[in-house]
Amino acid sequence: MGNPISLLISKLNSAANANGRRGRRIGKLSALERVTLYKYIGSRVRAGHSVSTSLQKLLSTRYIRKTARMKAAISVAIHKFTRGAKLAGALQEFIPSTECTLILTGDQSGSLPDTLAQLSDSIMSARKMARAFWKSLVPSFLLLIFAVLAIFGTALYIVPQYRGILKPSEVHGYVAVVLAASTTSGLVILSVTLGALTAVGLWLWRAARTIDAPWRRWLENIPNTPFAYYRDWHSLLWIKMHLIMLKAGVMERDALSESIRNATPWLARRLTKVKQYVERDGKRLPEALIATHAQTNFPAPLLIEEIAQAGDAADISGSLEKALAVWEAEFAESTETSLKVFSGAMRFVVISLLFLIAGSIVRLVLAVMHQSLAGANLFY
């Protein structure tokens, strides 16, 4: 830890914050708020202004939209500046710790504008991918919720009107299933099934962040599965942030330690194995990623291939940047295609389910009409 930047990182992580309570009340800035803040400060500092002046100008300008939370955070940051704090310390309560470390190292190495610009690009890239993900899946999930409501509405309000009229011998096929599902026991089974599916979804969400088992790695190697997407997505985010830290002047081992400290349990275990290999065998990061991939299954296999083919593994930034440039475009394209396929399949299933519900109602009406006509013929 002889590197001055590393000492500064340790000092920042261990220092007590005098305004911690107020910072916690304000909360963390959103992605767009941080991008606005970073871009403005970076451009002003690049133009020769001080950070303190840039913050005061940002707070007073009317040409940039600011939320109440962002105004409060800037006010606190300005107050800390008057007491001698640096930008990283002034914003520590309002931004992720990894970004705080990057801003600290960029400030101390004299590359603050470049670091802020890279951070902004990384945040916007991640936000763009997240928006594409939700844009593809949210309509299908809304349609699924509508289908569930339609099922319960049919079972509770429509089908009971025909149950007392129809004879069991007159009902066959899936219409009989619909009639059975509209009973108390049928509704209980539907509710339990829906609750079980929701519980499985929540468990998968938690498992993606925490569980690291052989079956998990096996699922990660199946294309287009949620676990495979989770691994590939975090591979992209981690390498981007790691490159920014290296360019800002953070040593490789310190960058890994910072990533481990702020990672999910699943990612932390994988990065810990990579860091142990680097420290034990004295290898550089690209070589360590290749050597430990059989154990960790991280990062994505295609990214590992690109790293192996990128050339000199001793040039960490160059090797990772070449691999990332090729793989990021492939990942974005394959993800978009997979999401479209998954969303289309979900819509097909839901629409088919809605047609079955509508068909069952029509069949019920026809069965009632048929039974009524048969009764009328017998009467005459």
Protein backbone atom coordinates (compact mmCIF):
# COMPACT_ATOMS: atom_id res chain seq x y z
CA MET A 1 0.00 0.00 0.00
CA GLY A 2 2.87 2.37 -0.71
CA ASN A 3 1.01 4.01 -3.55
CA PRO A 4 -0.16 7.51 -2.43
CA ILE A 5 -3.50 7.02 -4.17
CA SER A 6 -4.01 3.75 -2.31
CA LEU A 7 -3.31 5.51 0.98
CA LEU A 8 -5.85 8.16 0.08
CA ILE A 9 -8.45 5.49 -0.68
CA SER A 10 -7.88 3.88 2.71
CA LYS A 11 -8.14 7.26 4.40
CA LEU A 12 -11.39 8.04 2.61
CA ASN A 13 -12.92 4.68 3.53
CA SER A 14 -11.97 5.00 7.21
CA ALA A 15 -12.74 8.69 7.74
CA ALA A 16 -15.82 9.63 9.77
CA ASN A 17 -18.28 11.91 8.04
CA ALA A 18 -19.39 14.90 10.11
CA ASN A 19 -22.57 15.35 8.09
CA GLY A 20 -23.51 11.70 7.81
CA ARG A 21 -27.00 12.06 9.29
CA ARG A 22 -27.96 14.85 6.93
CA GLY A 23 -26.56 12.94 3.96
CA ARG A 24 -28.60 9.86 4.85
CA ARG A 25 -31.75 11.99 5.01
CA ILE A 26 -31.10 13.33 1.51
CA GLY A 27 -30.35 9.88 0.09
CA LYS A 28 -28.38 8.71 -2.94
CA LEU A 29 -28.54 10.65 -6.19
CA SER A 30 -30.16 8.87 -9.13
CA ALA A 31 -28.24 7.89 -12.25
CA LEU A 32 -29.43 10.93 -14.25
CA GLU A 33 -28.69 13.28 -11.35
CA ARG A 34 -25.15 11.94 -11.07
CA VAL A 35 -24.59 12.19 -14.83
CA THR A 36 -25.75 15.83 -14.81
CA LEU A 37 -23.47 16.58 -11.87
CA TYR A 38 -20.42 14.82 -13.33
CA LYS A 39 -20.77 16.29 -16.81
CA TYR A 40 -21.19 19.83 -15.54
CA ILE A 41 -18.28 19.70 -13.09
CA GLY A 42 -16.06 17.93 -15.65
CA SER A 43 -16.70 20.51 -18.36
CA ARG A 44 -16.18 23.45 -15.99
CA VAL A 45 -12.97 22.04 -14.51
CA ARG A 46 -11.67 21.31 -18.00
CA ALA A 47 -12.33 24.95 -18.83
CA GLY A 48 -10.17 26.06 -15.90
CA HIS A 49 -12.72 26.64 -13.13
CA SER A 50 -12.36 25.25 -9.64
CA VAL A 51 -14.61 22.48 -8.34
CA SER A 52 -16.10 24.74 -5.67
CA THR A 53 -16.96 27.44 -8.20
CA SER A 54 -18.44 24.82 -10.53
CA LEU A 55 -20.72 23.51 -7.77
CA GLN A 56 -21.88 27.00 -6.83
CA LYS A 57 -22.55 27.82 -10.48
CA LEU A 58 -24.49 24.58 -10.97
CA LEU A 59 -26.63 25.33 -7.91
CA SER A 60 -27.47 28.84 -9.10
CA THR A 61 -28.00 28.21 -12.82
CA ARG A 62 -31.56 27.95 -14.12
CA TYR A 63 -30.65 26.32 -17.41
CA ILE A 64 -30.08 22.87 -15.93
CA ARG A 65 -33.01 21.07 -14.32
CA LYS A 66 -32.29 20.02 -10.75
CA THR A 67 -34.40 18.02 -8.33
CA ALA A 68 -34.85 19.03 -4.70
CA ARG A 69 -32.62 16.13 -3.65
CA MET A 70 -29.89 17.21 -6.07
CA LYS A 71 -30.04 20.82 -4.83
CA ALA A 72 -29.76 19.65 -1.23
CA ALA A 73 -26.79 17.40 -2.06
CA ILE A 74 -24.98 20.22 -3.88
CA SER A 75 -25.60 22.56 -0.94
CA VAL A 76 -24.10 20.04 1.47
CA ALA A 77 -21.12 19.49 -0.89
CA ILE A 78 -20.47 23.26 -1.06
CA HIS A 79 -20.59 23.48 2.74
CA LYS A 80 -18.05 20.65 3.01
CA PHE A 81 -15.79 22.42 0.51
CA THR A 82 -15.69 25.46 2.76
CA ARG A 83 -14.35 23.17 5.48
CA GLY A 84 -11.55 21.81 3.28
CA ALA A 85 -13.09 18.63 1.83
CA LYS A 86 -12.29 17.33 -1.62
CA LEU A 87 -14.95 16.52 -4.23
CA ALA A 88 -15.02 12.80 -3.34
CA GLY A 89 -15.49 13.54 0.36
CA ALA A 90 -18.11 16.19 -0.34
CA LEU A 91 -20.20 13.78 -2.42
CA GLN A 92 -19.47 10.64 -0.41
CA GLU A 93 -22.96 10.38 1.13
CA PHE A 94 -24.77 10.84 -2.18
CA ILE A 95 -23.00 8.58 -4.69
CA PRO A 96 -21.94 4.89 -4.81
CA SER A 97 -18.67 4.16 -3.02
CA THR A 98 -16.99 2.91 -6.21
CA GLU A 99 -17.70 6.20 -7.95
CA CYS A 100 -16.46 8.04 -4.87
CA THR A 101 -13.16 6.16 -5.09
CA LEU A 102 -12.84 6.93 -8.79
CA ILE A 103 -13.47 10.64 -8.24
CA LEU A 104 -10.87 10.67 -5.44
CA THR A 105 -8.21 9.04 -7.59
CA GLY A 106 -9.06 11.19 -10.61
CA ASP A 107 -8.78 14.33 -8.47
CA GLN A 108 -5.44 13.32 -6.99
CA SER A 109 -3.96 12.19 -10.32
CA GLY A 110 -5.02 15.35 -12.16
CA SER A 111 -7.39 13.53 -14.49
CA LEU A 112 -10.67 14.53 -12.84
CA PRO A 113 -12.41 15.78 -16.02
CA ASP A 114 -11.55 12.58 -17.89
CA THR A 115 -12.62 10.40 -14.97
CA LEU A 116 -15.95 12.22 -14.65
CA ALA A 117 -16.54 11.92 -18.40
CA GLN A 118 -15.82 8.18 -18.32
CA LEU A 119 -18.10 7.74 -15.32
CA SER A 120 -20.91 9.58 -17.10
CA ASP A 121 -20.52 7.43 -20.22
CA SER A 122 -20.49 4.24 -18.13
CA ILE A 123 -23.64 5.25 -16.20
CA MET A 124 -25.50 6.21 -19.38
CA SER A 125 -24.47 2.98 -21.11
CA ALA A 126 -25.73 0.90 -18.19
CA ARG A 127 -28.95 2.92 -18.05
CA LYS A 128 -29.51 2.46 -21.77
CA MET A 129 -29.16 -1.30 -21.46
CA ALA A 130 -31.48 -1.38 -18.45
CA ARG A 131 -34.10 0.68 -20.30
CA ALA A 132 -33.91 -1.66 -23.28
CA PHE A 133 -34.42 -4.59 -20.93
CA TRP A 134 -37.50 -3.13 -19.26
CA LYS A 135 -38.88 -1.75 -22.52
CA SER A 136 -38.88 -5.26 -23.95
CA LEU A 137 -40.34 -7.06 -20.94
CA VAL A 138 -42.69 -4.64 -19.18
CA PRO A 139 -45.47 -4.79 -21.85
CA SER A 140 -45.43 -8.58 -21.69
CA PHE A 141 -45.57 -8.58 -17.88
CA LEU A 142 -48.45 -6.10 -17.93
CA LEU A 143 -50.26 -8.36 -20.38
CA LEU A 144 -49.57 -11.31 -18.07
CA ILE A 145 -51.04 -9.43 -15.10
CA PHE A 146 -54.13 -8.63 -17.20
CA ALA A 147 -54.47 -12.32 -18.05
CA VAL A 148 -54.27 -13.29 -14.36
CA LEU A 149 -56.94 -10.72 -13.50
CA ALA A 150 -59.07 -12.04 -16.36
CA ILE A 151 -58.77 -15.58 -15.01
CA PHE A 152 -59.86 -14.57 -11.51
CA GLY A 153 -62.60 -12.29 -12.85
CA THR A 154 -63.99 -15.11 -14.98
CA ALA A 155 -63.81 -17.59 -12.11
CA LEU A 156 -65.39 -15.23 -9.58
CA TYR A 157 -68.09 -13.39 -11.54
CA ILE A 158 -68.90 -15.06 -14.86
CA VAL A 159 -68.64 -18.83 -14.44
CA PRO A 160 -70.70 -19.04 -11.20
CA GLN A 161 -73.73 -17.72 -13.09
CA TYR A 162 -73.76 -20.86 -15.26
CA ARG A 163 -72.75 -23.50 -12.70
CA GLY A 164 -76.25 -23.90 -11.30
CA ILE A 165 -77.82 -24.09 -14.76
CA LEU A 166 -75.55 -26.55 -16.52
CA LYS A 167 -75.64 -30.29 -15.94
CA PRO A 168 -72.19 -31.88 -15.42
CA SER A 169 -72.90 -34.28 -18.29
CA GLU A 170 -73.34 -31.32 -20.64
CA VAL A 171 -69.85 -29.92 -20.01
CA HIS A 172 -66.69 -31.41 -21.45
CA GLY A 173 -63.06 -30.51 -22.18
CA TYR A 174 -61.45 -27.36 -20.89
CA VAL A 175 -64.89 -25.84 -20.13
CA ALA A 176 -65.21 -28.45 -17.38
CA VAL A 177 -61.79 -27.36 -16.11
CA VAL A 178 -62.97 -23.74 -16.06
CA LEU A 179 -66.05 -24.73 -14.09
CA ALA A 180 -63.93 -26.68 -11.61
CA ALA A 181 -61.50 -23.75 -11.24
CA SER A 182 -64.34 -21.41 -10.29
CA THR A 183 -65.11 -23.36 -7.11
CA THR A 184 -63.64 -22.45 -3.74
CA SER A 185 -61.05 -25.22 -3.92
CA GLY A 186 -60.22 -24.29 -7.50
CA LEU A 187 -59.66 -20.64 -6.57
CA VAL A 188 -57.45 -21.72 -3.68
CA ILE A 189 -55.36 -23.85 -6.05
CA LEU A 190 -55.08 -20.92 -8.50
CA SER A 191 -54.01 -18.57 -5.70
CA VAL A 192 -51.45 -21.03 -4.34
CA THR A 193 -50.06 -21.61 -7.84
CA LEU A 194 -49.76 -17.88 -8.47
CA GLY A 195 -48.14 -17.33 -5.08
CA ALA A 196 -45.67 -20.18 -5.72
CA LEU A 197 -44.68 -18.71 -9.09
CA THR A 198 -44.19 -15.29 -7.49
CA ALA A 199 -42.09 -16.84 -4.71
CA VAL A 200 -39.94 -18.64 -7.29
CA GLY A 201 -39.40 -15.36 -9.14
CA LEU A 202 -38.34 -13.56 -5.96
CA TRP A 203 -36.08 -16.45 -5.01
CA LEU A 204 -34.41 -16.37 -8.43
CA TRP A 205 -33.85 -12.62 -8.03
CA ARG A 206 -32.17 -13.17 -4.66
CA ALA A 207 -30.31 -16.28 -5.85
CA ALA A 208 -28.78 -14.34 -8.75
CA ARG A 209 -27.04 -12.07 -6.22
CA THR A 210 -26.03 -14.63 -3.60
CA ILE A 211 -25.95 -18.29 -4.66
CA ASP A 212 -22.80 -19.77 -6.16
CA ALA A 213 -23.20 -23.52 -6.69
CA PRO A 214 -22.33 -26.05 -9.45
CA TRP A 215 -25.93 -26.05 -10.73
CA ARG A 216 -25.76 -22.25 -10.96
CA ARG A 217 -22.66 -22.41 -13.15
CA TRP A 218 -24.31 -25.07 -15.30
CA LEU A 219 -27.31 -22.78 -15.86
CA GLU A 220 -25.00 -19.88 -16.64
CA ASN A 221 -23.61 -21.80 -19.60
CA ILE A 222 -27.07 -22.19 -21.16
CA PRO A 223 -27.57 -19.22 -23.52
CA ASN A 224 -30.40 -16.77 -22.86
CA THR A 225 -31.18 -18.03 -19.36
CA PRO A 226 -31.62 -15.40 -16.58
CA PHE A 227 -28.42 -16.55 -14.83
CA ALA A 228 -26.42 -16.34 -18.06
CA TYR A 229 -27.72 -12.83 -18.69
CA TYR A 230 -26.92 -11.82 -15.10
CA ARG A 231 -23.33 -13.06 -15.42
CA ASP A 232 -22.76 -11.40 -18.80
CA TRP A 233 -24.30 -8.11 -17.67
CA HIS A 234 -22.12 -7.95 -14.55
CA SER A 235 -19.07 -8.92 -16.59
CA LEU A 236 -19.64 -5.85 -18.74
CA LEU A 237 -20.27 -3.48 -15.83
CA TRP A 238 -17.32 -4.71 -13.78
CA ILE A 239 -14.74 -4.48 -16.57
CA LYS A 240 -15.92 -0.98 -17.47
CA MET A 241 -15.54 0.25 -13.90
CA HIS A 242 -12.23 -1.57 -13.49
CA LEU A 243 -10.81 0.16 -16.58
CA ILE A 244 -11.91 3.56 -15.29
CA MET A 245 -10.15 2.87 -11.99
CA LEU A 246 -6.95 1.81 -13.75
CA LYS A 247 -6.96 4.93 -15.92
CA ALA A 248 -7.57 7.10 -12.86
CA GLY A 249 -4.41 5.73 -11.26
CA VAL A 250 -5.68 3.00 -8.95
CA MET A 251 -3.36 0.02 -8.67
CA GLU A 252 -4.68 -3.27 -10.03
CA ARG A 253 -4.95 -5.01 -6.66
CA ASP A 254 -6.56 -1.99 -5.03
CA ALA A 255 -9.05 -1.79 -7.88
CA LEU A 256 -9.94 -5.44 -7.33
CA SER A 257 -10.28 -4.89 -3.58
CA GLU A 258 -12.59 -1.94 -4.17
CA SER A 259 -14.73 -3.98 -6.58
CA ILE A 260 -14.95 -6.85 -4.07
CA ARG A 261 -15.97 -4.49 -1.28
CA ASN A 262 -18.90 -3.09 -3.30
CA ALA A 263 -19.94 -6.23 -5.22
CA THR A 264 -22.82 -8.62 -4.60
CA PRO A 265 -21.87 -11.82 -2.70
CA TRP A 266 -21.92 -13.79 -5.98
CA LEU A 267 -19.54 -11.41 -7.77
CA ALA A 268 -17.36 -10.86 -4.69
CA ARG A 269 -16.58 -14.59 -4.46
CA ARG A 270 -15.50 -14.70 -8.08
CA LEU A 271 -13.37 -11.57 -7.89
CA THR A 272 -11.76 -12.84 -4.67
CA LYS A 273 -10.52 -15.94 -6.51
CA VAL A 274 -9.14 -13.76 -9.29
CA LYS A 275 -7.40 -11.49 -6.75
CA GLN A 276 -5.93 -14.49 -4.91
CA TYR A 277 -4.49 -15.78 -8.18
CA VAL A 278 -2.97 -12.38 -8.94
CA GLU A 279 -1.37 -12.15 -5.48
CA ARG A 280 -0.27 -15.80 -5.27
CA ASP A 281 1.20 -16.27 -8.74
CA GLY A 282 2.07 -12.69 -9.58
CA LYS A 283 0.05 -12.77 -12.81
CA ARG A 284 -1.62 -9.81 -14.47
CA LEU A 285 -5.38 -9.48 -14.53
CA PRO A 286 -6.02 -10.75 -18.09
CA GLU A 287 -3.97 -13.87 -17.38
CA ALA A 288 -5.71 -14.34 -14.01
CA LEU A 289 -9.16 -14.12 -15.61
CA ILE A 290 -8.22 -16.76 -18.18
CA ALA A 291 -6.62 -19.06 -15.59
CA THR A 292 -9.49 -18.90 -13.10
CA HIS A 293 -12.35 -19.07 -15.60
CA ALA A 294 -12.72 -22.84 -15.20
CA GLN A 295 -13.38 -22.30 -11.46
CA THR A 296 -15.39 -19.08 -11.51
CA ASN A 297 -17.17 -19.24 -14.89
CA PHE A 298 -16.62 -15.47 -14.90
CA PRO A 299 -16.55 -13.30 -16.93
CA ALA A 300 -18.59 -14.33 -19.97
CA PRO A 301 -16.93 -17.07 -22.10
CA LEU A 302 -16.98 -14.94 -25.25
CA LEU A 303 -15.29 -12.13 -23.36
CA ILE A 304 -12.63 -14.55 -22.15
CA GLU A 305 -11.99 -15.55 -25.77
CA GLU A 306 -11.63 -11.90 -26.75
CA ILE A 307 -9.21 -11.28 -23.85
CA ALA A 308 -7.13 -14.29 -24.87
CA GLN A 309 -6.96 -13.03 -28.47
CA ALA A 310 -6.39 -9.38 -27.56
CA GLY A 311 -2.63 -9.70 -27.50
CA ASP A 312 -0.19 -8.76 -24.76
CA ALA A 313 -1.72 -9.72 -21.41
CA ALA A 314 0.79 -7.49 -19.63
CA ASP A 315 -0.95 -4.43 -21.10
CA ILE A 316 -3.95 -4.63 -18.80
CA SER A 317 -5.92 -1.63 -20.03
CA GLY A 318 -5.14 -2.28 -23.68
CA SER A 319 -6.01 -5.96 -23.50
CA LEU A 320 -9.29 -5.40 -21.66
CA GLU A 321 -10.28 -2.44 -23.84
CA LYS A 322 -9.77 -4.41 -27.06
CA ALA A 323 -11.81 -7.31 -25.72
CA LEU A 324 -14.53 -5.05 -24.38
CA ALA A 325 -14.86 -3.07 -27.62
CA VAL A 326 -15.65 -6.24 -29.57
CA TRP A 327 -17.73 -8.04 -26.97
CA GLU A 328 -19.91 -5.14 -25.83
CA ALA A 329 -21.48 -4.75 -29.27
CA GLU A 330 -22.06 -8.52 -29.52
CA PHE A 331 -23.60 -8.62 -26.06
CA ALA A 332 -25.95 -5.71 -26.79
CA GLU A 333 -27.08 -7.28 -30.07
CA SER A 334 -27.58 -10.78 -28.65
CA THR A 335 -29.39 -9.40 -25.60
CA GLU A 336 -31.78 -7.39 -27.75
CA THR A 337 -32.53 -10.45 -29.87
CA SER A 338 -33.03 -12.70 -26.84
CA LEU A 339 -35.35 -10.19 -25.16
CA LYS A 340 -37.46 -9.90 -28.29
CA VAL A 341 -37.76 -13.69 -28.54
CA PHE A 342 -38.63 -14.05 -24.85
CA SER A 343 -41.11 -11.20 -24.95
CA GLY A 344 -42.74 -12.58 -28.10
CA ALA A 345 -43.06 -16.04 -26.55
CA MET A 346 -44.61 -14.59 -23.39
CA ARG A 347 -47.12 -12.57 -25.40
CA PHE A 348 -48.05 -15.63 -27.44
CA VAL A 349 -48.70 -17.64 -24.28
CA VAL A 350 -50.74 -14.87 -22.66
CA ILE A 351 -52.81 -14.15 -25.76
CA SER A 352 -53.46 -17.88 -26.19
CA LEU A 353 -54.60 -18.00 -22.56
CA LEU A 354 -56.96 -15.08 -23.12
CA PHE A 355 -58.43 -16.79 -26.18
CA LEU A 356 -58.98 -19.94 -24.12
CA ILE A 357 -60.80 -17.91 -21.48
CA ALA A 358 -62.96 -16.23 -24.11
CA GLY A 359 -63.59 -19.59 -25.78
CA SER A 360 -64.63 -21.17 -22.48
CA ILE A 361 -67.15 -18.39 -21.87
CA VAL A 362 -68.58 -18.86 -25.37
CA ARG A 363 -68.79 -22.60 -24.80
CA LEU A 364 -70.60 -22.04 -21.52
CA VAL A 365 -73.13 -19.78 -23.20
CA LEU A 366 -73.64 -22.28 -26.03
CA ALA A 367 -74.06 -25.13 -23.54
CA VAL A 368 -76.70 -23.15 -21.64
CA MET A 369 -78.51 -22.32 -24.88
CA HIS A 370 -78.34 -25.96 -26.00
CA GLN A 371 -79.69 -27.16 -22.65
CA SER A 372 -82.48 -24.54 -22.76
CA LEU A 373 -83.51 -25.56 -26.27
CA ALA A 374 -83.46 -29.23 -25.32
CA GLY A 375 -85.69 -28.48 -22.35
CA ALA A 376 -88.09 -26.49 -24.51
CA ASN A 377 -88.38 -29.34 -27.05
CA LEU A 378 -89.18 -31.79 -24.28
CA PHE A 379 -91.85 -29.45 -22.91
CA TYR A 380 -93.62 -29.25 -26.27
